[in-house]
Amino acid sequence: MPPFLRSKPPHGRDLPISFVTCCLLFLMISFSLSFAKTGVTGSVSVWTYLRDDSVDHVYIIPMQSFTLTDLGCKDLSFQTSLRGYADIRNGSSSAEQLRVLRGVFVYAPRQSNWELRGGQQWLTEGVGRGNLAGLWAKYKMTTKTSITAYGGAKLANSLYLNVPNEEQGYAGGLHAKTQLRWGRLGASCYYLAKRGDLLYHAAGADYLSPVWHDLTLRGRLDLNLSQSTLEQAQLMAAWQASEQIQVTGELRRQTPRIYEDSFFTLFLSEAATDFVRGAVRWNFYESVYCKGGATALFSEGDSERKLHLAFGIPMVEAGYSKWLTVAKGELDGLYIKAHYQVTDKAEVFGGYDFARGSNSDLKEKTDSQVAYLGCDAAICKTLSFTARGEQIQDIERKSDYRGLFSITARFSTLR
């Protein structure tokens, strides 16, 4: 296990890191580097969630992302993304966290077919998905064909700086893709082992192609070789039938991914689900449109279905939805939403949702409703603000109030 991923320091006690101190430290580093020769671009934002019900909740989530370029040479850069979290209940703070979502050095020579990355990074390489602390390399064999290899320590979600990080094992894999005349084709494999035992082994293929000028298909097939199961089979289609009609659809069969050889893997086949979705949008008169869709989720002995129909113009939309749940319950919902562009940099929006029914035939039908109002504005070129207020009402509770606020500041030393 690499030293920086250890659950506890050598002396045996947890490594406490102050939430506020770390946030201020990274802010100071970012702005101090802006005066050096190294180029700095990025953003700092704070997202806040407030709720007034039986327990007064305030969630504060600061986030920061920045990229340092020209680190000794023009081809070397460093990219990172940090996220904090604080839960304040009835005036007292708890569950403070500071996480590194991404922290990776990138070496990408402009006159080379190689690209190298080292550090903590998210994988999006076919069946290889998740958070990895290690090395990643990509080589372009031709203008249409490339191969990617990676390996390192697997992280559960992200790297925590103030709580222990559980050891997840070591992962590695390959992903190759090429552009053919009839579409883009990719193939990948992924391995995960812990203490010499193979926990997970998968292989997959993905495909993307414009079959005709107005029809695009995308498909993928993921196999869990270690458990001899089909992890995911997916086919999506988008068809522009005419200038006024758009049609989309999806078929998917999926089995949960389990990273261990346990008793529960015996039930993977029973946990598989089948998902079907279809939707159409029709601009039948100038800017007036209608859209409808249906989804269905089938599992072992159960099913869940949803129907949706809506009419609208560019600024206002109203619709109706109906759910038929797995427990033979029924839910009916009505909604209306609107938005208005006040200026080029400011927009206001609002809406109202109403639902009646129950998710089970054993429960009494209830009514619930939500009314919301908000705005989205760019105060200047580097500063933006979003606010949303909600009022929630149902039978069990007279009224709840929620507020969501965020402010984002972007900075750059590059012209």
Protein backbone atom coordinates (compact mmCIF):
# COMPACT_ATOMS: atom_id res chain seq x y z
CA MET A 1 0.00 0.00 0.00
CA PRO A 2 1.54 3.38 -0.95
CA PRO A 3 2.30 5.56 2.10
CA PHE A 4 -0.10 8.34 1.06
CA LEU A 5 -3.00 5.87 0.95
CA ARG A 6 -2.44 4.33 4.38
CA SER A 7 -5.46 4.23 6.65
CA LYS A 8 -3.44 5.44 9.63
CA PRO A 9 0.00 7.02 10.15
CA PRO A 10 2.89 4.89 11.52
CA HIS A 11 2.32 5.93 15.14
CA GLY A 12 -1.12 4.28 15.05
CA ARG A 13 -3.45 7.27 15.46
CA ASP A 14 -5.75 8.76 12.89
CA LEU A 15 -4.42 11.72 10.95
CA PRO A 16 -6.77 14.67 11.70
CA ILE A 17 -6.78 17.54 9.22
CA SER A 18 -8.82 20.65 9.89
CA PHE A 19 -11.54 21.15 7.31
CA VAL A 20 -11.34 24.93 7.28
CA THR A 21 -7.52 25.02 7.43
CA CYS A 22 -7.14 22.78 4.39
CA CYS A 23 -9.63 24.80 2.36
CA LEU A 24 -7.78 28.03 3.16
CA LEU A 25 -4.42 26.38 2.45
CA PHE A 26 -5.40 25.32 -1.06
CA LEU A 27 -6.88 28.74 -1.75
CA MET A 28 -3.62 30.41 -0.70
CA ILE A 29 -1.59 28.06 -2.88
CA SER A 30 -3.76 28.75 -5.92
CA PHE A 31 -3.62 32.52 -5.67
CA SER A 32 0.09 32.62 -4.77
CA LEU A 33 0.93 30.57 -7.85
CA SER A 34 -0.98 33.06 -9.96
CA PHE A 35 1.92 35.50 -9.45
CA ALA A 36 4.57 32.98 -10.54
CA LYS A 37 5.59 31.98 -14.06
CA THR A 38 3.46 28.87 -13.87
CA GLY A 39 0.08 29.36 -15.54
CA VAL A 40 -2.96 28.80 -13.34
CA THR A 41 -6.55 28.32 -14.45
CA GLY A 42 -9.45 27.04 -12.42
CA SER A 43 -12.49 27.82 -10.33
CA VAL A 44 -13.58 28.08 -6.71
CA SER A 45 -17.20 27.49 -5.74
CA VAL A 46 -19.34 27.06 -2.65
CA TRP A 47 -22.61 25.13 -2.75
CA THR A 48 -25.00 25.50 0.20
CA TYR A 49 -28.17 23.58 1.05
CA LEU A 50 -30.51 24.72 3.83
CA ARG A 51 -33.63 22.94 5.10
CA ASP A 52 -36.11 23.98 7.80
CA ASP A 53 -38.05 20.99 9.15
CA SER A 54 -37.84 18.88 12.32
CA VAL A 55 -34.05 19.34 12.26
CA ASP A 56 -32.46 22.50 10.90
CA HIS A 57 -29.93 21.37 8.32
CA VAL A 58 -27.23 23.41 6.61
CA TYR A 59 -24.89 21.66 4.20
CA ILE A 60 -21.81 23.60 3.05
CA ILE A 61 -19.82 22.12 0.18
CA PRO A 62 -16.77 24.11 -1.02
CA MET A 63 -15.14 22.91 -4.23
CA GLN A 64 -12.01 23.90 -6.06
CA SER A 65 -10.54 22.83 -9.38
CA PHE A 66 -7.40 24.22 -10.97
CA THR A 67 -4.79 23.37 -13.57
CA LEU A 68 -1.13 24.37 -13.35
CA THR A 69 0.57 24.58 -16.74
CA ASP A 70 4.20 24.98 -17.76
CA LEU A 71 5.66 23.15 -14.75
CA GLY A 72 9.28 23.41 -15.82
CA CYS A 73 8.34 22.63 -19.44
CA LYS A 74 5.41 23.47 -21.67
CA ASP A 75 4.27 19.85 -21.91
CA LEU A 76 3.86 19.19 -18.18
CA SER A 77 0.77 20.21 -16.21
CA PHE A 78 -0.96 19.37 -12.94
CA GLN A 79 -4.73 19.04 -12.58
CA THR A 80 -6.61 18.72 -9.33
CA SER A 81 -10.13 18.90 -7.94
CA LEU A 82 -10.93 19.22 -4.22
CA ARG A 83 -14.24 18.96 -2.41
CA GLY A 84 -15.17 19.67 1.20
CA TYR A 85 -18.27 18.85 3.17
CA ALA A 86 -19.77 20.09 6.44
CA ASP A 87 -23.12 19.14 7.97
CA ILE A 88 -24.50 21.67 10.49
CA ARG A 89 -27.53 20.45 12.46
CA ASN A 90 -29.24 22.67 14.98
CA GLY A 91 -26.18 24.92 15.13
CA SER A 92 -23.52 22.21 15.65
CA SER A 93 -21.20 20.96 12.93
CA SER A 94 -20.42 17.30 12.30
CA ALA A 95 -19.18 14.91 9.62
CA GLU A 96 -16.62 17.34 8.21
CA GLN A 97 -14.71 15.96 5.27
CA LEU A 98 -12.11 17.05 2.77
CA ARG A 99 -11.65 14.90 -0.31
CA VAL A 100 -9.35 14.94 -3.31
CA LEU A 101 -11.43 13.96 -6.32
CA ARG A 102 -8.53 14.30 -8.73
CA GLY A 103 -4.83 15.13 -8.44
CA VAL A 104 -2.75 14.10 -11.44
CA PHE A 105 0.36 15.18 -13.36
CA VAL A 106 -0.15 15.15 -17.15
CA TYR A 107 2.74 14.95 -19.61
CA ALA A 108 1.50 15.44 -23.18
CA PRO A 109 4.21 16.48 -25.68
CA ARG A 110 2.71 18.34 -28.61
CA GLN A 111 4.92 16.61 -31.18
CA SER A 112 4.48 13.10 -29.80
CA ASN A 113 1.91 10.33 -29.93
CA TRP A 114 2.33 9.65 -26.18
CA GLU A 115 0.39 11.01 -23.23
CA LEU A 116 1.31 10.07 -19.65
CA ARG A 117 -0.55 10.68 -16.38
CA GLY A 118 0.50 9.97 -12.83
CA GLY A 119 -1.51 10.44 -9.67
CA GLN A 120 -5.13 10.14 -8.61
CA GLN A 121 -7.54 10.04 -11.53
CA TRP A 122 -10.96 8.81 -12.64
CA LEU A 123 -11.07 6.00 -15.19
CA THR A 124 -13.46 6.08 -18.15
CA GLU A 125 -11.74 3.35 -20.17
CA GLY A 126 -14.41 0.90 -21.25
CA VAL A 127 -15.05 -1.57 -18.41
CA GLY A 128 -12.33 0.17 -16.37
CA ARG A 129 -14.22 2.67 -14.25
CA GLY A 130 -13.68 4.21 -10.82
CA ASN A 131 -10.97 6.11 -8.97
CA LEU A 132 -7.34 5.02 -9.39
CA ALA A 133 -4.11 6.25 -7.80
CA GLY A 134 -1.37 5.23 -10.22
CA LEU A 135 -0.10 5.54 -13.79
CA TRP A 136 -2.00 5.97 -17.07
CA ALA A 137 -0.49 5.96 -20.58
CA LYS A 138 -2.01 6.46 -24.02
CA TYR A 139 -0.30 5.86 -27.36
CA LYS A 140 -1.73 6.86 -30.76
CA MET A 141 -0.65 4.17 -33.17
CA THR A 142 -2.27 5.99 -36.10
CA THR A 143 -4.59 8.98 -36.48
CA LYS A 144 -7.55 6.61 -36.02
CA THR A 145 -6.22 3.97 -33.58
CA SER A 146 -5.01 4.31 -29.99
CA ILE A 147 -4.31 2.06 -27.01
CA THR A 148 -4.45 2.96 -23.32
CA ALA A 149 -2.90 1.14 -20.36
CA TYR A 150 -3.20 1.94 -16.66
CA GLY A 151 -2.48 0.48 -13.24
CA GLY A 152 -2.32 1.41 -9.57
CA ALA A 153 -4.17 1.35 -6.26
CA LYS A 154 -7.96 1.39 -6.46
CA LEU A 155 -9.80 3.92 -4.29
CA ALA A 156 -13.34 3.44 -3.02
CA ASN A 157 -14.59 6.83 -4.22
CA SER A 158 -12.01 9.51 -3.62
CA LEU A 159 -9.01 10.22 -1.38
CA TYR A 160 -10.07 11.38 2.09
CA LEU A 161 -7.61 13.64 3.90
CA ASN A 162 -9.16 13.61 7.36
CA VAL A 163 -10.57 10.08 7.73
CA PRO A 164 -9.02 6.63 7.11
CA ASN A 165 -8.93 5.33 3.55
CA GLU A 166 -9.83 1.68 3.23
CA GLU A 167 -7.51 -0.49 1.16
CA GLN A 168 -9.32 -1.52 -2.04
CA GLY A 169 -6.60 -3.51 -3.81
CA TYR A 170 -4.70 -2.90 -7.04
CA ALA A 171 -6.24 -2.50 -10.49
CA GLY A 172 -4.98 -2.50 -14.05
CA GLY A 173 -6.32 -2.71 -17.56
CA LEU A 174 -6.16 -1.96 -21.28
CA HIS A 175 -8.45 -0.12 -23.68
CA ALA A 176 -8.02 0.02 -27.45
CA LYS A 177 -10.20 1.94 -29.89
CA THR A 178 -10.17 2.56 -33.60
CA GLN A 179 -12.19 4.54 -36.12
CA LEU A 180 -13.52 2.41 -38.94
CA ARG A 181 -15.52 3.40 -41.99
CA TRP A 182 -18.76 2.24 -40.34
CA GLY A 183 -18.11 3.59 -36.84
CA ARG A 184 -15.86 3.76 -33.79
CA LEU A 185 -15.09 0.44 -32.12
CA GLY A 186 -13.43 -0.13 -28.73
CA ALA A 187 -12.34 -3.14 -26.67
CA SER A 188 -11.17 -3.22 -23.07
CA CYS A 189 -10.23 -5.46 -20.14
CA TYR A 190 -9.93 -4.77 -16.42
CA TYR A 191 -8.37 -6.62 -13.45
CA LEU A 192 -8.67 -6.02 -9.72
CA ALA A 193 -6.71 -7.98 -7.11
CA LYS A 194 -6.18 -7.69 -3.36
CA ARG A 195 -3.48 -9.49 -1.37
CA GLY A 196 -2.85 -11.87 -4.25
CA ASP A 197 -6.52 -12.80 -4.78
CA LEU A 198 -8.36 -11.88 -7.97
CA LEU A 199 -11.49 -9.93 -6.97
CA TYR A 200 -12.77 -8.83 -10.35
CA HIS A 201 -11.99 -9.55 -14.00
CA ALA A 202 -14.00 -8.03 -16.84
CA ALA A 203 -13.88 -7.51 -20.59
CA GLY A 204 -16.00 -5.30 -22.79
CA ALA A 205 -16.65 -3.77 -26.18
CA ASP A 206 -18.23 -0.45 -27.15
CA TYR A 207 -19.50 0.86 -30.47
CA LEU A 208 -20.64 4.24 -31.81
CA SER A 209 -21.78 4.86 -35.36
CA PRO A 210 -23.97 7.15 -37.45
CA VAL A 211 -25.74 4.39 -39.39
CA TRP A 212 -27.42 6.87 -41.68
CA HIS A 213 -27.33 10.62 -41.87
CA ASP A 214 -30.21 10.95 -39.36
CA LEU A 215 -29.73 7.80 -37.24
CA THR A 216 -27.02 7.23 -34.63
CA LEU A 217 -26.47 4.00 -32.70
CA ARG A 218 -24.41 3.43 -29.57
CA GLY A 219 -23.89 0.06 -27.92
CA ARG A 220 -21.75 -1.60 -25.28
CA LEU A 221 -21.24 -5.08 -23.90
CA ASP A 222 -19.55 -5.68 -20.52
CA LEU A 223 -18.80 -9.18 -19.23
CA ASN A 224 -17.95 -10.09 -15.62
CA LEU A 225 -15.54 -12.93 -16.35
CA SER A 226 -14.71 -13.67 -12.72
CA GLN A 227 -18.40 -14.40 -11.97
CA SER A 228 -19.36 -15.63 -15.47
CA THR A 229 -22.17 -13.10 -15.75
CA LEU A 230 -23.31 -10.46 -18.22
CA GLU A 231 -22.70 -7.16 -16.45
CA GLN A 232 -24.23 -4.80 -19.01
CA ALA A 233 -25.65 -5.00 -22.51
CA GLN A 234 -26.85 -1.65 -23.81
CA LEU A 235 -28.12 -0.29 -27.12
CA MET A 236 -29.15 3.35 -27.61
CA ALA A 237 -30.52 5.04 -30.71
CA ALA A 238 -31.24 8.64 -31.73
CA TRP A 239 -33.21 9.32 -34.91
CA GLN A 240 -33.97 12.71 -36.44
CA ALA A 241 -37.00 11.59 -38.40
CA SER A 242 -37.61 15.11 -39.78
CA GLU A 243 -36.95 18.71 -38.87
CA GLN A 244 -39.90 18.56 -36.45
CA ILE A 245 -39.66 15.01 -35.04
CA GLN A 246 -36.92 13.52 -32.84
CA VAL A 247 -37.01 9.92 -31.57
CA THR A 248 -34.75 8.28 -28.98
CA GLY A 249 -34.71 4.81 -27.46
CA GLU A 250 -32.69 2.55 -25.19
CA LEU A 251 -32.52 -1.14 -24.30
CA ARG A 252 -30.36 -2.24 -21.35
CA ARG A 253 -29.76 -5.37 -19.33
CA GLN A 254 -27.63 -4.84 -16.24
CA THR A 255 -26.25 -6.88 -13.34
CA PRO A 256 -24.67 -5.29 -10.23
CA ARG A 257 -20.88 -5.16 -10.21
CA ILE A 258 -19.36 -6.88 -7.16
CA TYR A 259 -15.64 -6.59 -6.41
CA GLU A 260 -15.30 -9.73 -4.30
CA ASP A 261 -15.90 -13.46 -4.28
CA SER A 262 -18.58 -13.68 -1.62
CA PHE A 263 -21.74 -15.64 -0.90
CA PHE A 264 -23.84 -12.83 -2.39
CA THR A 265 -22.41 -13.34 -5.88
CA LEU A 266 -24.52 -16.48 -6.13
CA PHE A 267 -27.55 -14.24 -6.55
CA LEU A 268 -26.16 -12.02 -9.32
CA SER A 269 -28.36 -13.59 -11.98
CA GLU A 270 -31.46 -12.96 -9.85
CA ALA A 271 -30.43 -9.32 -9.34
CA ALA A 272 -30.30 -8.60 -13.09
CA THR A 273 -32.69 -5.96 -14.44
CA ASP A 274 -34.00 -5.13 -17.90
CA PHE A 275 -34.64 -1.49 -18.81
CA VAL A 276 -36.57 -0.16 -21.83
CA ARG A 277 -37.01 3.51 -22.71
CA GLY A 278 -38.56 5.34 -25.66
CA ALA A 279 -39.28 9.04 -26.23
CA VAL A 280 -40.42 11.32 -29.05
CA ARG A 281 -40.52 15.12 -29.44
CA TRP A 282 -42.67 16.81 -32.12
CA ASN A 283 -42.68 20.50 -33.01
CA PHE A 284 -46.12 20.46 -34.57
CA TYR A 285 -46.71 24.24 -34.92
CA GLU A 286 -43.91 26.81 -35.11
CA SER A 287 -42.39 26.85 -31.58
CA VAL A 288 -45.15 24.76 -29.96
CA TYR A 289 -44.11 21.19 -29.19
CA CYS A 290 -45.30 18.05 -27.48
CA LYS A 291 -43.21 15.21 -26.17
CA GLY A 292 -43.98 11.83 -24.71
CA GLY A 293 -42.10 8.88 -23.36
CA ALA A 294 -42.36 5.54 -21.62
CA THR A 295 -39.90 3.60 -19.46
CA ALA A 296 -40.11 0.14 -17.95
CA LEU A 297 -37.83 -1.63 -15.47
CA PHE A 298 -38.15 -5.41 -15.13
CA SER A 299 -36.52 -7.48 -12.41
CA GLU A 300 -37.02 -10.96 -10.98
CA GLY A 301 -40.82 -11.19 -10.66
CA ASP A 302 -41.39 -7.40 -10.50
CA SER A 303 -41.80 -4.50 -12.88
CA GLU A 304 -42.02 -0.73 -12.74
CA ARG A 305 -43.39 1.50 -15.49
CA LYS A 306 -43.65 5.24 -16.10
CA LEU A 307 -45.56 7.20 -18.75
CA HIS A 308 -44.92 10.86 -19.52
CA LEU A 309 -46.66 13.45 -21.74
CA ALA A 310 -45.94 17.17 -21.99
CA PHE A 311 -46.77 20.25 -24.08
CA GLY A 312 -44.84 23.48 -24.20
CA ILE A 313 -43.38 26.52 -25.85
CA PRO A 314 -39.77 27.68 -25.40
CA MET A 315 -40.48 29.41 -22.04
CA VAL A 316 -43.25 27.26 -20.49
CA GLU A 317 -43.86 23.51 -20.27
CA ALA A 318 -46.63 21.52 -18.59
CA GLY A 319 -46.88 17.77 -18.31
CA TYR A 320 -48.39 14.66 -16.76
CA SER A 321 -46.66 11.52 -15.47
CA LYS A 322 -47.97 8.19 -14.22
CA TRP A 323 -45.99 5.57 -12.30
CA LEU A 324 -46.94 1.93 -11.81
CA THR A 325 -44.60 0.61 -9.12
CA VAL A 326 -43.29 -2.84 -8.29
CA ALA A 327 -45.57 -3.06 -5.20
CA LYS A 328 -48.72 -2.52 -7.32
CA GLY A 329 -48.92 1.11 -6.31
CA GLU A 330 -49.91 4.03 -8.53
CA LEU A 331 -48.70 7.60 -8.59
CA ASP A 332 -50.04 10.43 -10.75
CA GLY A 333 -48.13 13.67 -11.17
CA LEU A 334 -48.72 17.06 -12.78
CA TYR A 335 -46.14 19.78 -13.26
CA ILE A 336 -45.58 23.14 -14.86
CA LYS A 337 -42.26 24.93 -15.22
CA ALA A 338 -41.17 28.20 -16.78
CA HIS A 339 -38.04 30.26 -17.32
CA TYR A 340 -37.41 33.77 -18.57
CA GLN A 341 -34.20 35.28 -19.89
CA VAL A 342 -34.06 38.69 -18.21
CA THR A 343 -30.75 39.68 -19.82
CA ASP A 344 -27.98 37.88 -21.66
CA LYS A 345 -26.43 37.07 -18.27
CA ALA A 346 -29.45 36.55 -16.02
CA GLU A 347 -32.36 34.11 -16.00
CA VAL A 348 -35.25 33.45 -13.61
CA PHE A 349 -37.14 30.16 -13.37
CA GLY A 350 -39.92 28.58 -11.36
CA GLY A 351 -42.40 25.76 -11.28
CA TYR A 352 -44.96 23.67 -9.44
CA ASP A 353 -45.19 19.88 -9.01
CA PHE A 354 -48.16 17.93 -7.66
CA ALA A 355 -48.36 14.18 -7.04
CA ARG A 356 -51.06 11.88 -5.67
CA GLY A 357 -50.94 8.18 -4.95
CA SER A 358 -48.87 5.58 -3.16
CA ASN A 359 -45.90 3.41 -4.02
CA SER A 360 -47.68 0.33 -2.63
CA ASP A 361 -51.23 -0.99 -2.60
CA LEU A 362 -50.81 -1.52 1.16
CA LYS A 363 -50.26 2.19 1.88
CA GLU A 364 -52.82 4.96 1.92
CA LYS A 365 -52.75 7.36 -1.02
CA THR A 366 -51.35 10.78 -0.17
CA ASP A 367 -50.89 14.17 -1.84
CA SER A 368 -47.65 16.10 -2.06
CA GLN A 369 -46.61 19.29 -3.79
CA VAL A 370 -43.53 21.39 -4.41
CA ALA A 371 -43.32 25.02 -5.51
CA TYR A 372 -39.95 26.49 -6.41
CA LEU A 373 -38.48 29.77 -7.65
CA GLY A 374 -34.90 30.62 -8.55
CA CYS A 375 -32.44 32.60 -10.60
CA ASP A 376 -29.17 32.07 -12.42
CA ALA A 377 -26.92 35.05 -13.09
CA ALA A 378 -23.42 35.82 -14.29
CA ILE A 379 -22.40 38.78 -12.14
CA CYS A 380 -19.28 39.36 -14.25
CA LYS A 381 -17.01 37.38 -16.55
CA THR A 382 -15.44 35.49 -13.65
CA LEU A 383 -18.29 35.28 -11.14
CA SER A 384 -21.66 33.49 -11.35
CA PHE A 385 -24.46 32.89 -8.85
CA THR A 386 -27.39 30.46 -8.61
CA ALA A 387 -30.23 30.44 -6.08
CA ARG A 388 -33.32 28.27 -5.69
CA GLY A 389 -36.02 28.28 -2.99
CA GLU A 390 -38.56 25.49 -2.50
CA GLN A 391 -41.66 24.92 -0.40
CA ILE A 392 -42.67 21.28 0.16
CA GLN A 393 -46.05 20.24 1.51
CA ASP A 394 -47.57 16.84 2.26
CA ILE A 395 -50.00 15.25 4.72
CA GLU A 396 -47.42 14.21 7.32
CA ARG A 397 -45.73 17.61 7.53
CA LYS A 398 -47.42 20.96 7.02
CA SER A 399 -44.57 22.65 5.21
CA ASP A 400 -40.85 22.43 4.68
CA TYR A 401 -38.64 25.09 3.20
CA ARG A 402 -35.42 24.45 1.34
CA GLY A 403 -32.85 26.75 -0.14
CA LEU A 404 -30.03 25.94 -2.54
CA PHE A 405 -27.34 28.52 -3.27
CA SER A 406 -24.07 28.38 -5.14
CA ILE A 407 -21.45 30.90 -6.18
CA THR A 408 -18.57 30.20 -8.54
CA ALA A 409 -15.46 32.29 -9.20
CA ARG A 410 -13.13 31.50 -12.11
CA PHE A 411 -9.55 32.66 -12.29
CA SER A 412 -6.73 32.46 -14.81
CA THR A 413 -3.27 33.92 -15.33
CA LEU A 414 -3.28 33.01 -19.02
CA ARG A 415 -4.25 35.60 -21.57
